[in-house]
Amino acid sequence: MKLLTKKLRKDLPELYSQENLQDDAKAIVKFFTPWTNWTWYALEFDGEDKFFGYVAGDYPEYGYFSLKELESINGPFGLKIERDKYFDKTTMREIKEIHNG
């Protein structure tokens, strides 16, 4: 599965463009591990490799993550990170409610 399509590259805002929106910032794409509960929500992209977004793992937090790193992760039985093809742009308020109850 291609993690980042040309359309998604075009749709992702530039880094720092949503920083003043706080919980109204919108995640554009969702990546996840099919073998754990880890999920990465991309809010912004530098156009090459670096995302800024929300990582819901052991300790949910905002931060930077790399497309190359996501592509390089190998799980059990050859599983890879996947992109949620049915994910619609979602505000951080809604995402935090999902992950934090």
N, C-alpha and C. Protein backbone atom coordinates (compact mmCIF):
# COMPACT_ATOMS: atom_id res chain seq x y z
N MET A 1 0.84 -1.18 0.00
CA MET A 1 0.00 0.00 0.00
C MET A 1 0.88 1.24 0.00
N LYS A 2 0.56 2.17 -0.87
CA LYS A 2 1.26 3.44 -0.90
C LYS A 2 0.73 4.31 0.25
N LEU A 3 1.62 4.73 1.13
CA LEU A 3 1.18 5.49 2.28
C LEU A 3 0.74 6.91 1.94
N LEU A 4 1.38 7.52 0.97
CA LEU A 4 1.07 8.91 0.66
C LEU A 4 0.89 9.09 -0.84
N THR A 5 -0.33 9.32 -1.26
CA THR A 5 -0.64 9.51 -2.67
C THR A 5 -0.34 10.95 -3.08
N LYS A 6 -0.35 11.20 -4.38
CA LYS A 6 -0.14 12.57 -4.88
C LYS A 6 -1.23 13.49 -4.37
N LYS A 7 -2.47 13.00 -4.32
CA LYS A 7 -3.57 13.83 -3.84
C LYS A 7 -3.37 14.20 -2.38
N LEU A 8 -2.99 13.23 -1.56
CA LEU A 8 -2.76 13.53 -0.14
C LEU A 8 -1.61 14.51 0.04
N ARG A 9 -0.56 14.35 -0.76
CA ARG A 9 0.56 15.30 -0.70
C ARG A 9 0.06 16.72 -0.96
N LYS A 10 -0.83 16.84 -1.92
CA LYS A 10 -1.38 18.15 -2.28
C LYS A 10 -2.30 18.69 -1.19
N ASP A 11 -3.07 17.79 -0.56
CA ASP A 11 -4.05 18.19 0.45
C ASP A 11 -3.44 18.55 1.80
N LEU A 12 -2.28 17.97 2.11
CA LEU A 12 -1.66 18.24 3.42
C LEU A 12 -1.13 19.67 3.50
N PRO A 13 -1.53 20.42 4.51
CA PRO A 13 -1.01 21.78 4.69
C PRO A 13 0.49 21.77 5.00
N GLU A 14 1.14 22.90 4.75
CA GLU A 14 2.56 23.05 5.06
C GLU A 14 2.77 23.02 6.57
N LEU A 15 3.99 22.66 6.97
CA LEU A 15 4.34 22.68 8.39
C LEU A 15 4.05 24.06 8.99
N TYR A 16 3.54 24.07 10.20
CA TYR A 16 3.24 25.25 11.01
C TYR A 16 2.01 26.02 10.56
N SER A 17 1.33 25.58 9.51
CA SER A 17 0.19 26.33 9.01
C SER A 17 -1.06 26.19 9.88
N GLN A 18 -1.13 25.16 10.71
CA GLN A 18 -2.31 24.97 11.57
C GLN A 18 -2.00 25.18 13.05
N GLU A 19 -0.80 25.67 13.35
CA GLU A 19 -0.37 25.69 14.75
C GLU A 19 -1.23 26.57 15.65
N ASN A 20 -1.92 27.56 15.13
CA ASN A 20 -2.75 28.42 15.97
C ASN A 20 -4.19 27.93 16.08
N LEU A 21 -4.52 26.84 15.41
CA LEU A 21 -5.89 26.34 15.41
C LEU A 21 -6.20 25.43 16.60
N GLN A 22 -5.18 24.97 17.28
CA GLN A 22 -5.29 24.08 18.43
C GLN A 22 -6.21 22.90 18.13
N ASP A 23 -7.28 22.69 18.89
CA ASP A 23 -8.14 21.52 18.70
C ASP A 23 -9.00 21.60 17.42
N ASP A 24 -9.02 22.74 16.77
CA ASP A 24 -9.74 22.87 15.50
C ASP A 24 -8.87 22.49 14.30
N ALA A 25 -7.59 22.24 14.53
CA ALA A 25 -6.71 21.76 13.45
C ALA A 25 -7.25 20.44 12.94
N LYS A 26 -7.10 20.21 11.64
CA LYS A 26 -7.64 18.99 11.05
C LYS A 26 -6.55 18.02 10.63
N ALA A 27 -6.74 16.78 11.03
CA ALA A 27 -5.88 15.70 10.55
C ALA A 27 -6.35 15.34 9.15
N ILE A 28 -5.41 15.18 8.24
CA ILE A 28 -5.73 14.93 6.85
C ILE A 28 -5.62 13.45 6.51
N VAL A 29 -4.67 12.77 7.15
CA VAL A 29 -4.45 11.36 6.84
C VAL A 29 -4.16 10.59 8.13
N LYS A 30 -4.55 9.33 8.15
CA LYS A 30 -4.38 8.47 9.32
C LYS A 30 -3.59 7.23 8.90
N PHE A 31 -2.51 6.95 9.63
CA PHE A 31 -1.70 5.74 9.45
C PHE A 31 -1.85 4.90 10.70
N PHE A 32 -1.75 3.58 10.58
CA PHE A 32 -1.88 2.73 11.76
C PHE A 32 -1.12 1.42 11.57
N THR A 33 -0.83 0.79 12.71
CA THR A 33 -0.25 -0.55 12.68
C THR A 33 -1.39 -1.54 12.84
N PRO A 34 -1.52 -2.50 11.94
CA PRO A 34 -2.59 -3.48 12.08
C PRO A 34 -2.35 -4.49 13.20
N TRP A 35 -1.18 -4.47 13.81
CA TRP A 35 -0.85 -5.45 14.85
C TRP A 35 -0.76 -4.84 16.25
N THR A 36 -0.92 -3.51 16.37
CA THR A 36 -0.93 -2.86 17.68
C THR A 36 -1.99 -1.76 17.66
N ASN A 37 -2.02 -0.96 18.71
CA ASN A 37 -2.97 0.15 18.77
C ASN A 37 -2.34 1.49 18.37
N TRP A 38 -1.16 1.49 17.81
CA TRP A 38 -0.49 2.74 17.42
C TRP A 38 -1.13 3.33 16.18
N THR A 39 -1.36 4.67 16.25
CA THR A 39 -1.96 5.40 15.13
C THR A 39 -1.27 6.75 15.01
N TRP A 40 -1.01 7.16 13.77
CA TRP A 40 -0.40 8.46 13.48
C TRP A 40 -1.39 9.28 12.65
N TYR A 41 -1.69 10.49 13.11
CA TYR A 41 -2.57 11.40 12.38
C TYR A 41 -1.72 12.55 11.85
N ALA A 42 -1.67 12.71 10.55
CA ALA A 42 -0.86 13.76 9.95
C ALA A 42 -1.70 15.02 9.77
N LEU A 43 -1.23 16.11 10.36
CA LEU A 43 -1.89 17.40 10.22
C LEU A 43 -1.18 18.27 9.18
N GLU A 44 0.15 18.16 9.11
CA GLU A 44 0.96 19.00 8.23
C GLU A 44 2.11 18.18 7.66
N PHE A 45 2.66 18.67 6.57
CA PHE A 45 3.72 17.93 5.87
C PHE A 45 4.69 18.91 5.24
N ASP A 46 5.98 18.57 5.27
CA ASP A 46 6.99 19.45 4.68
C ASP A 46 7.14 19.27 3.17
N GLY A 47 6.37 18.37 2.59
CA GLY A 47 6.43 18.13 1.15
C GLY A 47 7.42 17.06 0.74
N GLU A 48 8.25 16.62 1.69
CA GLU A 48 9.26 15.61 1.38
C GLU A 48 9.16 14.38 2.27
N ASP A 49 9.37 14.58 3.58
CA ASP A 49 9.43 13.42 4.47
C ASP A 49 8.83 13.65 5.86
N LYS A 50 8.80 14.87 6.34
CA LYS A 50 8.46 15.13 7.73
C LYS A 50 7.00 15.58 7.90
N PHE A 51 6.31 14.87 8.79
CA PHE A 51 4.94 15.22 9.17
C PHE A 51 4.96 15.86 10.55
N PHE A 52 3.97 16.69 10.80
CA PHE A 52 3.64 17.06 12.18
C PHE A 52 2.24 16.55 12.40
N GLY A 53 2.02 15.93 13.56
CA GLY A 53 0.70 15.40 13.83
C GLY A 53 0.56 14.87 15.23
N TYR A 54 -0.40 14.01 15.39
CA TYR A 54 -0.74 13.44 16.67
C TYR A 54 -0.47 11.95 16.62
N VAL A 55 0.29 11.46 17.57
CA VAL A 55 0.63 10.04 17.62
C VAL A 55 -0.08 9.44 18.82
N ALA A 56 -0.98 8.52 18.54
CA ALA A 56 -1.72 7.84 19.61
C ALA A 56 -1.10 6.46 19.79
N GLY A 57 -0.21 6.39 20.76
CA GLY A 57 0.47 5.13 21.07
C GLY A 57 0.35 4.88 22.56
N ASP A 58 1.45 4.53 23.19
CA ASP A 58 1.43 4.32 24.64
C ASP A 58 1.05 5.60 25.38
N TYR A 59 1.58 6.73 24.92
CA TYR A 59 1.31 8.04 25.51
C TYR A 59 0.98 9.01 24.38
N PRO A 60 -0.30 9.23 24.09
CA PRO A 60 -0.67 10.10 22.96
C PRO A 60 -0.06 11.49 23.12
N GLU A 61 0.50 11.99 21.99
CA GLU A 61 1.14 13.30 22.01
C GLU A 61 1.30 13.85 20.60
N TYR A 62 1.49 15.15 20.52
CA TYR A 62 1.82 15.80 19.26
C TYR A 62 3.31 15.63 19.02
N GLY A 63 3.69 15.56 17.74
CA GLY A 63 5.10 15.48 17.43
C GLY A 63 5.34 15.32 15.94
N TYR A 64 6.61 15.18 15.61
CA TYR A 64 7.03 14.99 14.22
C TYR A 64 7.29 13.51 13.98
N PHE A 65 6.97 13.06 12.77
CA PHE A 65 7.30 11.70 12.37
C PHE A 65 7.61 11.69 10.89
N SER A 66 8.31 10.66 10.48
CA SER A 66 8.88 10.59 9.14
C SER A 66 8.16 9.57 8.27
N LEU A 67 7.90 9.95 7.04
CA LEU A 67 7.32 9.03 6.06
C LEU A 67 8.25 7.85 5.84
N LYS A 68 9.54 8.11 5.71
CA LYS A 68 10.51 7.02 5.49
C LYS A 68 10.51 6.04 6.65
N GLU A 69 10.40 6.55 7.86
CA GLU A 69 10.37 5.66 9.02
C GLU A 69 9.10 4.81 9.01
N LEU A 70 7.96 5.43 8.72
CA LEU A 70 6.71 4.67 8.66
C LEU A 70 6.81 3.56 7.60
N GLU A 71 7.40 3.89 6.47
CA GLU A 71 7.53 2.92 5.38
C GLU A 71 8.50 1.79 5.73
N SER A 72 9.43 2.05 6.64
CA SER A 72 10.46 1.05 6.96
C SER A 72 10.06 0.08 8.07
N ILE A 73 8.96 0.36 8.76
CA ILE A 73 8.56 -0.49 9.88
C ILE A 73 8.02 -1.82 9.38
N ASN A 74 8.54 -2.89 9.96
CA ASN A 74 8.09 -4.24 9.64
C ASN A 74 7.55 -4.90 10.89
N GLY A 75 6.29 -5.32 10.81
CA GLY A 75 5.67 -5.99 11.93
C GLY A 75 5.74 -7.49 11.76
N PRO A 76 5.05 -8.21 12.62
CA PRO A 76 5.03 -9.67 12.52
C PRO A 76 4.40 -10.12 11.20
N PHE A 77 4.91 -11.22 10.71
CA PHE A 77 4.39 -11.84 9.47
C PHE A 77 4.49 -10.90 8.27
N GLY A 78 5.44 -9.96 8.30
CA GLY A 78 5.63 -9.05 7.18
C GLY A 78 4.63 -7.91 7.10
N LEU A 79 3.84 -7.71 8.15
CA LEU A 79 2.87 -6.61 8.14
C LEU A 79 3.59 -5.27 8.12
N LYS A 80 2.97 -4.29 7.49
CA LYS A 80 3.52 -2.94 7.36
C LYS A 80 2.52 -1.93 7.91
N ILE A 81 2.97 -0.72 8.10
CA ILE A 81 2.08 0.38 8.45
C ILE A 81 1.09 0.55 7.30
N GLU A 82 -0.14 0.85 7.63
CA GLU A 82 -1.16 1.05 6.61
C GLU A 82 -1.77 2.44 6.73
N ARG A 83 -2.38 2.87 5.63
CA ARG A 83 -3.13 4.13 5.62
C ARG A 83 -4.61 3.79 5.62
N ASP A 84 -5.36 4.50 6.44
CA ASP A 84 -6.80 4.30 6.48
C ASP A 84 -7.41 4.96 5.25
N LYS A 85 -7.79 4.17 4.28
CA LYS A 85 -8.33 4.68 3.02
C LYS A 85 -9.67 5.38 3.19
N TYR A 86 -10.36 5.12 4.28
CA TYR A 86 -11.70 5.66 4.49
C TYR A 86 -11.72 6.81 5.49
N PHE A 87 -10.55 7.27 5.90
CA PHE A 87 -10.45 8.36 6.87
C PHE A 87 -10.80 9.68 6.20
N ASP A 88 -11.67 10.45 6.85
CA ASP A 88 -12.02 11.80 6.39
C ASP A 88 -11.35 12.81 7.30
N LYS A 89 -11.06 13.98 6.76
CA LYS A 89 -10.47 15.04 7.58
C LYS A 89 -11.26 15.17 8.88
N THR A 90 -10.53 15.18 9.98
CA THR A 90 -11.15 15.17 11.30
C THR A 90 -10.43 16.15 12.20
N THR A 91 -11.18 16.88 13.02
CA THR A 91 -10.55 17.83 13.94
C THR A 91 -9.84 17.09 15.06
N MET A 92 -8.86 17.74 15.61
CA MET A 92 -8.12 17.15 16.72
C MET A 92 -9.03 16.98 17.93
N ARG A 93 -10.01 17.82 18.09
CA ARG A 93 -10.96 17.67 19.19
C ARG A 93 -11.63 16.30 19.11
N GLU A 94 -12.08 15.92 17.92
CA GLU A 94 -12.74 14.62 17.73
C GLU A 94 -11.77 13.46 17.92
N ILE A 95 -10.56 13.62 17.42
CA ILE A 95 -9.56 12.55 17.55
C ILE A 95 -9.19 12.33 19.01
N LYS A 96 -9.01 13.41 19.75
CA LYS A 96 -8.68 13.26 21.16
C LYS A 96 -9.81 12.61 21.95
N GLU A 97 -11.05 12.89 21.58
CA GLU A 97 -12.18 12.24 22.25
C GLU A 97 -12.14 10.74 22.01
N ILE A 98 -11.78 10.32 20.79
CA ILE A 98 -11.70 8.90 20.46
C ILE A 98 -10.62 8.21 21.30
N HIS A 99 -9.45 8.85 21.41
CA HIS A 99 -8.31 8.20 22.07
C HIS A 99 -8.22 8.45 23.57
N ASN A 100 -8.83 9.51 24.04
CA ASN A 100 -8.71 9.83 25.46
C ASN A 100 -10.01 9.67 26.23
N GLY A 101 -11.06 9.30 25.54
CA GLY A 101 -12.34 9.06 26.20
C GLY A 101 -13.12 10.26 26.58
